[in-house]
Amino acid sequence: MESQMIRPGHLTAHQTAQQLGITLGGVRLLVHRGQLQRSGGTPRQPWYAVTDVAALLAKRQQRDAA
């Protein structure tokens, strides 16, 4: 169950996965590889900054377009 009280400018793990088109496991892998950092929440329900997710998405789209 996701937290209903999330700070503005942040996404839950589920929202992040949806934005990036990957699974929750994929989000955890990005964190493990250092490509994405948690910016709040709890260890079980982390939050990610919208700006970080948008930058990662733009980087992936640029790579795919090349």
Protein backbone atom coordinates (compact mmCIF):
# COMPACT_ATOMS: atom_id res chain seq x y z
CA MET A 1 0.00 0.00 0.00
CA GLU A 2 1.43 3.37 -1.00
CA SER A 3 1.59 6.38 1.26
CA GLN A 4 -1.10 8.95 0.54
CA MET A 5 0.98 11.82 1.94
CA ILE A 6 3.73 12.49 -0.56
CA ARG A 7 5.61 15.77 -0.82
CA PRO A 8 5.08 17.88 -3.93
CA GLY A 9 7.75 17.28 -6.55
CA HIS A 10 8.17 13.62 -5.69
CA LEU A 11 6.95 10.32 -7.12
CA THR A 12 6.36 6.97 -5.48
CA ALA A 13 8.21 3.90 -6.70
CA HIS A 14 5.09 2.80 -8.59
CA GLN A 15 4.72 6.18 -10.29
CA THR A 16 8.43 6.22 -11.14
CA ALA A 17 8.22 2.76 -12.70
CA GLN A 18 5.18 3.83 -14.72
CA GLN A 19 6.90 7.00 -15.97
CA LEU A 20 10.01 5.07 -17.03
CA GLY A 21 8.07 2.12 -18.47
CA ILE A 22 9.81 -0.42 -16.24
CA THR A 23 8.95 -2.67 -13.31
CA LEU A 24 9.49 -1.96 -9.61
CA GLY A 25 12.46 -4.31 -9.81
CA GLY A 26 13.86 -2.11 -12.56
CA VAL A 27 13.54 0.95 -10.33
CA ARG A 28 15.41 -0.87 -7.55
CA LEU A 29 18.10 -1.82 -10.05
CA LEU A 30 18.52 1.82 -11.12
CA VAL A 31 18.96 2.79 -7.46
CA HIS A 32 21.45 -0.03 -6.91
CA ARG A 33 23.46 1.05 -9.96
CA GLY A 34 23.49 4.67 -8.79
CA GLN A 35 21.47 5.99 -11.74
CA LEU A 36 18.59 7.13 -9.51
CA GLN A 37 18.57 8.29 -5.89
CA ARG A 38 15.84 8.14 -3.32
CA SER A 39 14.79 11.55 -2.09
CA GLY A 40 12.46 10.71 0.77
CA GLY A 41 9.85 8.33 2.00
CA THR A 42 10.76 5.19 3.91
CA PRO A 43 12.96 2.21 3.02
CA ARG A 44 9.83 0.25 2.09
CA GLN A 45 8.08 3.15 0.34
CA PRO A 46 10.73 5.38 -1.21
CA TRP A 47 10.09 8.60 -3.10
CA TYR A 48 12.01 9.89 -6.08
CA ALA A 49 12.38 13.51 -7.19
CA VAL A 50 10.36 14.37 -10.30
CA THR A 51 13.37 16.23 -11.73
CA ASP A 52 15.61 13.15 -11.34
CA VAL A 53 13.06 10.89 -13.00
CA ALA A 54 12.50 13.38 -15.84
CA ALA A 55 16.27 13.70 -16.42
CA LEU A 56 16.66 9.91 -16.51
CA LEU A 57 13.73 9.60 -18.90
CA ALA A 58 15.18 12.29 -21.21
CA LYS A 59 18.57 10.56 -21.14
CA ARG A 60 16.96 7.22 -22.07
CA GLN A 61 14.89 8.77 -24.87
CA GLN A 62 17.98 10.52 -26.27
CA ARG A 63 19.92 7.25 -26.19
CA ASP A 64 17.10 5.38 -27.92
CA ALA A 65 16.81 8.07 -30.63
CA ALA A 66 20.50 7.84 -31.50
